PDB file of N, CA and C in Angstrom:
ATOM      1  N   MET A   1      29.778  18.695  11.992  1.00  0.00           N
ATOM      2  CA  MET A   1      29.417  17.453  11.334  1.00  0.00           C
ATOM      3  C   MET A   1      27.917  17.466  11.051  1.00  0.00           C
ATOM      4  N   HIS A   2      27.539  17.064   9.828  1.00  0.00           N
ATOM      5  CA  HIS A   2      26.139  17.099   9.405  1.00  0.00           C
ATOM      6  C   HIS A   2      25.503  15.734   9.592  1.00  0.00           C
ATOM      7  N   ASP A   3      24.309  15.709  10.134  1.00  0.00           N
ATOM      8  CA  ASP A   3      23.568  14.468  10.360  1.00  0.00           C
ATOM      9  C   ASP A   3      22.927  14.005   9.057  1.00  0.00           C
ATOM     10  N   ASP A   4      23.288  12.802   8.581  1.00  0.00           N
ATOM     11  CA  ASP A   4      22.746  12.275   7.326  1.00  0.00           C
ATOM     12  C   ASP A   4      21.236  12.122   7.369  1.00  0.00           C
ATOM     13  N   GLY A   5      20.682  11.727   8.489  1.00  0.00           N
ATOM     14  CA  GLY A   5      19.239  11.576   8.616  1.00  0.00           C
ATOM     15  C   GLY A   5      18.514  12.896   8.390  1.00  0.00           C
ATOM     16  N   GLU A   6      19.113  13.954   8.862  1.00  0.00           N
ATOM     17  CA  GLU A   6      18.508  15.273   8.699  1.00  0.00           C
ATOM     18  C   GLU A   6      18.492  15.685   7.238  1.00  0.00           C
ATOM     19  N   SER A   7      19.572  15.436   6.509  1.00  0.00           N
ATOM     20  CA  SER A   7      19.609  15.822   5.103  1.00  0.00           C
ATOM     21  C   SER A   7      18.623  15.004   4.283  1.00  0.00           C
ATOM     22  N   LYS A   8      18.401  13.744   4.640  1.00  0.00           N
ATOM     23  CA  LYS A   8      17.413  12.924   3.938  1.00  0.00           C
ATOM     24  C   LYS A   8      16.015  13.487   4.151  1.00  0.00           C
ATOM     25  N   ASN A   9      15.691  13.885   5.374  1.00  0.00           N
ATOM     26  CA  ASN A   9      14.372  14.448   5.656  1.00  0.00           C
ATOM     27  C   ASN A   9      14.157  15.756   4.912  1.00  0.00           C
ATOM     28  N   ASP A  10      15.200  16.557   4.782  1.00  0.00           N
ATOM     29  CA  ASP A  10      15.088  17.825   4.074  1.00  0.00           C
ATOM     30  C   ASP A  10      14.797  17.617   2.597  1.00  0.00           C
ATOM     31  N   SER A  11      15.238  16.512   2.013  1.00  0.00           N
ATOM     32  CA  SER A  11      15.072  16.283   0.584  1.00  0.00           C
ATOM     33  C   SER A  11      13.726  15.657   0.237  1.00  0.00           C
ATOM     34  N   ILE A  12      12.944  15.221   1.235  1.00  0.00           N
ATOM     35  CA  ILE A  12      11.642  14.620   0.967  1.00  0.00           C
ATOM     36  C   ILE A  12      10.656  15.733   0.644  1.00  0.00           C
ATOM     37  N   GLU A  13      10.030  15.613  -0.536  1.00  0.00           N
ATOM     38  CA  GLU A  13       9.035  16.600  -0.941  1.00  0.00           C
ATOM     39  C   GLU A  13       7.654  16.000  -0.753  1.00  0.00           C
ATOM     40  N   LEU A  14       6.952  16.448   0.267  1.00  0.00           N
ATOM     41  CA  LEU A  14       5.614  15.943   0.529  1.00  0.00           C
ATOM     42  C   LEU A  14       4.569  16.903  -0.015  1.00  0.00           C
ATOM     43  N   VAL A  15       3.507  16.335  -0.538  1.00  0.00           N
ATOM     44  CA  VAL A  15       2.378  17.106  -1.040  1.00  0.00           C
ATOM     45  C   VAL A  15       1.219  16.814  -0.101  1.00  0.00           C
ATOM     46  N   TRP A  16       0.702  17.842   0.539  1.00  0.00           N
ATOM     47  CA  TRP A  16      -0.366  17.680   1.535  1.00  0.00           C
ATOM     48  C   TRP A  16      -1.694  18.144   0.973  1.00  0.00           C
ATOM     49  N   GLY A  17      -2.708  17.295   1.076  1.00  0.00           N
ATOM     50  CA  GLY A  17      -4.068  17.640   0.683  1.00  0.00           C
ATOM     51  C   GLY A  17      -4.413  17.182  -0.724  1.00  0.00           C
ATOM     52  N   GLY A  18      -5.642  16.748  -0.880  1.00  0.00           N
ATOM     53  CA  GLY A  18      -6.107  16.238  -2.164  1.00  0.00           C
ATOM     54  C   GLY A  18      -6.061  17.263  -3.279  1.00  0.00           C
ATOM     55  N   GLU A  19      -6.384  18.517  -2.970  1.00  0.00           N
ATOM     56  CA  GLU A  19      -6.371  19.550  -4.008  1.00  0.00           C
ATOM     57  C   GLU A  19      -4.957  19.828  -4.500  1.00  0.00           C
ATOM     58  N   GLU A  20      -3.996  19.819  -3.593  1.00  0.00           N
ATOM     59  CA  GLU A  20      -2.603  20.035  -3.994  1.00  0.00           C
ATOM     60  C   GLU A  20      -2.084  18.837  -4.787  1.00  0.00           C
ATOM     61  N   ILE A  21      -2.463  17.632  -4.383  1.00  0.00           N
ATOM     62  CA  ILE A  21      -2.089  16.434  -5.140  1.00  0.00           C
ATOM     63  C   ILE A  21      -2.673  16.530  -6.549  1.00  0.00           C
ATOM     64  N   ALA A  22      -3.925  16.981  -6.660  1.00  0.00           N
ATOM     65  CA  ALA A  22      -4.571  17.155  -7.967  1.00  0.00           C
ATOM     66  C   ALA A  22      -3.771  18.110  -8.845  1.00  0.00           C
ATOM     67  N   ARG A  23      -3.304  19.202  -8.265  1.00  0.00           N
ATOM     68  CA  ARG A  23      -2.515  20.181  -9.021  1.00  0.00           C
ATOM     69  C   ARG A  23      -1.224  19.558  -9.548  1.00  0.00           C
ATOM     70  N   VAL A  24      -0.557  18.779  -8.696  1.00  0.00           N
ATOM     71  CA  VAL A  24       0.712  18.156  -9.080  1.00  0.00           C
ATOM     72  C   VAL A  24       0.525  17.158 -10.224  1.00  0.00           C
ATOM     73  N   ILE A  25      -0.561  16.383 -10.176  1.00  0.00           N
ATOM     74  CA  ILE A  25      -0.752  15.334 -11.188  1.00  0.00           C
ATOM     75  C   ILE A  25      -1.572  15.804 -12.390  1.00  0.00           C
ATOM     76  N   GLY A  26      -2.062  17.034 -12.354  1.00  0.00           N
ATOM     77  CA  GLY A  26      -2.783  17.576 -13.493  1.00  0.00           C
ATOM     78  C   GLY A  26      -4.180  17.005 -13.687  1.00  0.00           C
ATOM     79  N   ARG A  27      -4.825  16.643 -12.590  1.00  0.00           N
ATOM     80  CA  ARG A  27      -6.194  16.134 -12.631  1.00  0.00           C
ATOM     81  C   ARG A  27      -7.088  17.089 -11.840  1.00  0.00           C
ATOM     82  N   THR A  28      -8.392  16.957 -12.006  1.00  0.00           N
ATOM     83  CA  THR A  28      -9.306  17.778 -11.211  1.00  0.00           C
ATOM     84  C   THR A  28      -9.331  17.242  -9.781  1.00  0.00           C
ATOM     85  N   PRO A  29      -9.666  18.098  -8.815  1.00  0.00           N
ATOM     86  CA  PRO A  29      -9.776  17.608  -7.440  1.00  0.00           C
ATOM     87  C   PRO A  29     -10.779  16.467  -7.314  1.00  0.00           C
ATOM     88  N   ARG A  30     -11.890  16.553  -8.018  1.00  0.00           N
ATOM     89  CA  ARG A  30     -12.912  15.500  -7.927  1.00  0.00           C
ATOM     90  C   ARG A  30     -12.358  14.147  -8.374  1.00  0.00           C
ATOM     91  N   VAL A  31     -11.710  14.117  -9.530  1.00  0.00           N
ATOM     92  CA  VAL A  31     -11.122  12.870 -10.037  1.00  0.00           C
ATOM     93  C   VAL A  31     -10.027  12.390  -9.093  1.00  0.00           C
ATOM     94  N   THR A  32      -9.214  13.314  -8.610  1.00  0.00           N
ATOM     95  CA  THR A  32      -8.119  12.956  -7.704  1.00  0.00           C
ATOM     96  C   THR A  32      -8.644  12.319  -6.427  1.00  0.00           C
ATOM     97  N   PHE A  33      -9.688  12.894  -5.828  1.00  0.00           N
ATOM     98  CA  PHE A  33     -10.249  12.311  -4.607  1.00  0.00           C
ATOM     99  C   PHE A  33     -10.800  10.912  -4.874  1.00  0.00           C
ATOM    100  N   GLN A  34     -11.400  10.704  -6.040  1.00  0.00           N
ATOM    101  CA  GLN A  34     -11.892   9.364  -6.384  1.00  0.00           C
ATOM    102  C   GLN A  34     -10.727   8.377  -6.484  1.00  0.00           C
ATOM    103  N   LEU A  35      -9.655   8.790  -7.140  1.00  0.00           N
ATOM    104  CA  LEU A  35      -8.475   7.928  -7.273  1.00  0.00           C
ATOM    105  C   LEU A  35      -7.846   7.639  -5.912  1.00  0.00           C
ATOM    106  N   LEU A  36      -7.776   8.652  -5.067  1.00  0.00           N
ATOM    107  CA  LEU A  36      -7.214   8.476  -3.724  1.00  0.00           C
ATOM    108  C   LEU A  36      -8.044   7.491  -2.911  1.00  0.00           C
ATOM    109  N   GLU A  37      -9.354   7.670  -2.905  1.00  0.00           N
ATOM    110  CA  GLU A  37     -10.232   6.797  -2.115  1.00  0.00           C
ATOM    111  C   GLU A  37     -10.186   5.349  -2.604  1.00  0.00           C
ATOM    112  N   ARG A  38      -9.945   5.157  -3.876  1.00  0.00           N
ATOM    113  CA  ARG A  38      -9.860   3.800  -4.438  1.00  0.00           C
ATOM    114  C   ARG A  38      -8.463   3.193  -4.297  1.00  0.00           C
ATOM    115  N   GLY A  39      -7.526   3.966  -3.786  1.00  0.00           N
ATOM    116  CA  GLY A  39      -6.169   3.462  -3.602  1.00  0.00           C
ATOM    117  C   GLY A  39      -5.376   3.380  -4.894  1.00  0.00           C
ATOM    118  N   LEU A  40      -5.737   4.188  -5.877  1.00  0.00           N
ATOM    119  CA  LEU A  40      -5.091   4.132  -7.187  1.00  0.00           C
ATOM    120  C   LEU A  40      -3.941   5.121  -7.347  1.00  0.00           C
ATOM    121  N   ILE A  41      -3.695   5.907  -6.314  1.00  0.00           N
ATOM    122  CA  ILE A  41      -2.587   6.866  -6.306  1.00  0.00           C
ATOM    123  C   ILE A  41      -1.704   6.526  -5.106  1.00  0.00           C
ATOM    124  N   PRO A  42      -0.364   6.573  -5.277  1.00  0.00           N
ATOM    125  CA  PRO A  42       0.528   6.263  -4.155  1.00  0.00           C
ATOM    126  C   PRO A  42       0.513   7.377  -3.100  1.00  0.00           C
ATOM    127  N   ALA A  43      -0.479   7.299  -2.216  1.00  0.00           N
ATOM    128  CA  ALA A  43      -0.643   8.292  -1.153  1.00  0.00           C
ATOM    129  C   ALA A  43      -1.274   7.604   0.047  1.00  0.00           C
ATOM    130  N   ARG A  44      -1.273   8.298   1.156  1.00  0.00           N
ATOM    131  CA  ARG A  44      -1.923   7.759   2.358  1.00  0.00           C
ATOM    132  C   ARG A  44      -2.602   8.891   3.106  1.00  0.00           C
ATOM    133  N   LYS A  45      -3.530   8.498   3.932  1.00  0.00           N
ATOM    134  CA  LYS A  45      -4.265   9.468   4.734  1.00  0.00           C
ATOM    135  C   LYS A  45      -3.665   9.488   6.135  1.00  0.00           C
ATOM    136  N   ILE A  46      -3.288  10.671   6.584  1.00  0.00           N
ATOM    137  CA  ILE A  46      -2.729  10.852   7.917  1.00  0.00           C
ATOM    138  C   ILE A  46      -3.608  11.860   8.653  1.00  0.00           C
ATOM    139  N   LYS A  47      -4.228  11.382   9.733  1.00  0.00           N
ATOM    140  CA  LYS A  47      -5.134  12.220  10.533  1.00  0.00           C
ATOM    141  C   LYS A  47      -6.166  12.919   9.652  1.00  0.00           C
ATOM    142  N   GLY A  48      -6.719  12.175   8.708  1.00  0.00           N
ATOM    143  CA  GLY A  48      -7.788  12.694   7.866  1.00  0.00           C
ATOM    144  C   GLY A  48      -7.349  13.527   6.680  1.00  0.00           C
ATOM    145  N   ARG A  49      -6.048  13.651   6.468  1.00  0.00           N
ATOM    146  CA  ARG A  49      -5.543  14.470   5.359  1.00  0.00           C
ATOM    147  C   ARG A  49      -4.647  13.629   4.458  1.00  0.00           C
ATOM    148  N   TRP A  50      -4.854  13.753   3.146  1.00  0.00           N
ATOM    149  CA  TRP A  50      -4.047  12.999   2.199  1.00  0.00           C
ATOM    150  C   TRP A  50      -2.648  13.587   2.111  1.00  0.00           C
ATOM    151  N   VAL A  51      -1.662  12.713   1.986  1.00  0.00           N
ATOM    152  CA  VAL A  51      -0.276  13.137   1.810  1.00  0.00           C
ATOM    153  C   VAL A  51       0.405  12.166   0.855  1.00  0.00           C
ATOM    154  N   ALA A  52       1.271  12.722   0.007  1.00  0.00           N
ATOM    155  CA  ALA A  52       1.991  11.898  -0.963  1.00  0.00           C
ATOM    156  C   ALA A  52       3.377  12.483  -1.181  1.00  0.00           C
ATOM    157  N   SER A  53       4.276  11.644  -1.638  1.00  0.00           N
ATOM    158  CA  SER A  53       5.611  12.077  -2.016  1.00  0.00           C
ATOM    159  C   SER A  53       5.545  12.598  -3.452  1.00  0.00           C
ATOM    160  N   LYS A  54       5.968  13.836  -3.665  1.00  0.00           N
ATOM    161  CA  LYS A  54       5.917  14.411  -5.016  1.00  0.00           C
ATOM    162  C   LYS A  54       6.731  13.589  -6.014  1.00  0.00           C
ATOM    163  N   PRO A  55       7.960  13.176  -5.683  1.00  0.00           N
ATOM    164  CA  PRO A  55       8.704  12.349  -6.640  1.00  0.00           C
ATOM    165  C   PRO A  55       7.988  11.032  -6.971  1.00  0.00           C
ATOM    166  N   LYS A  56       7.360  10.403  -5.975  1.00  0.00           N
ATOM    167  CA  LYS A  56       6.643   9.148  -6.237  1.00  0.00           C
ATOM    168  C   LYS A  56       5.410   9.383  -7.098  1.00  0.00           C
ATOM    169  N   LEU A  57       4.713  10.482  -6.875  1.00  0.00           N
ATOM    170  CA  LEU A  57       3.557  10.815  -7.712  1.00  0.00           C
ATOM    171  C   LEU A  57       3.985  10.993  -9.165  1.00  0.00           C
ATOM    172  N   LEU A  58       5.043  11.781  -9.363  1.00  0.00           N
ATOM    173  CA  LEU A  58       5.510  12.036 -10.724  1.00  0.00           C
ATOM    174  C   LEU A  58       5.990  10.755 -11.393  1.00  0.00           C
ATOM    175  N   GLU A  59       6.711   9.930 -10.658  1.00  0.00           N
ATOM    176  CA  GLU A  59       7.184   8.649 -11.191  1.00  0.00           C
ATOM    177  C   GLU A  59       6.001   7.755 -11.559  1.00  0.00           C
ATOM    178  N   PHE A  60       5.001   7.698 -10.703  1.00  0.00           N
ATOM    179  CA  PHE A  60       3.823   6.869 -10.928  1.00  0.00           C
ATOM    180  C   PHE A  60       3.097   7.291 -12.203  1.00  0.00           C
ATOM    181  N   PHE A  61       2.883   8.589 -12.374  1.00  0.00           N
ATOM    182  CA  PHE A  61       2.141   9.053 -13.541  1.00  0.00           C
ATOM    183  C   PHE A  61       2.990   9.085 -14.799  1.00  0.00           C
ATOM    184  N   MET A  62       4.288   9.236 -14.690  1.00  0.00           N
ATOM    185  CA  MET A  62       5.155   9.147 -15.873  1.00  0.00           C
ATOM    186  C   MET A  62       5.164   7.718 -16.395  1.00  0.00           C
ATOM    187  N   GLY A  63       4.993   6.739 -15.511  1.00  0.00           N
ATOM    188  CA  GLY A  63       4.894   5.339 -15.922  1.00  0.00           C
ATOM    189  C   GLY A  63       3.673   5.105 -16.786  1.00  0.00           C
ATOM    190  N   ASP A  64       2.577   5.857 -16.541  1.00  0.00           N
ATOM    191  CA  ASP A  64       1.374   5.762 -17.368  1.00  0.00           C
ATOM    192  C   ASP A  64       1.637   6.239 -18.787  1.00  0.00           C
ATOM    193  N   VAL A  65       2.503   7.233 -18.929  1.00  0.00           N
ATOM    194  CA  VAL A  65       2.781   7.825 -20.237  1.00  0.00           C
ATOM    195  C   VAL A  65       3.692   6.926 -21.061  1.00  0.00           C
ATOM    196  N   ALA A  66       4.637   6.276 -20.410  1.00  0.00           N
ATOM    197  CA  ALA A  66       5.639   5.455 -21.110  1.00  0.00           C
ATOM    198  C   ALA A  66       5.064   4.212 -21.731  1.00  0.00           C
TER     199      ALA A  66
END
């Protein structure tokens, strides 16, 4: 029997670090860090390191295009 909670955790795509977030959203690291510090990107800081959900990042920035 498969644990549903485990499969949900496996499907979460996390992006760790400001530079990696910058790569995902197609911005420079400098601009990305400014956006992160201002709270303009759906991400949070955990133990001094930025982390974001890749699907939420893509959804957030696709909303800008639409």
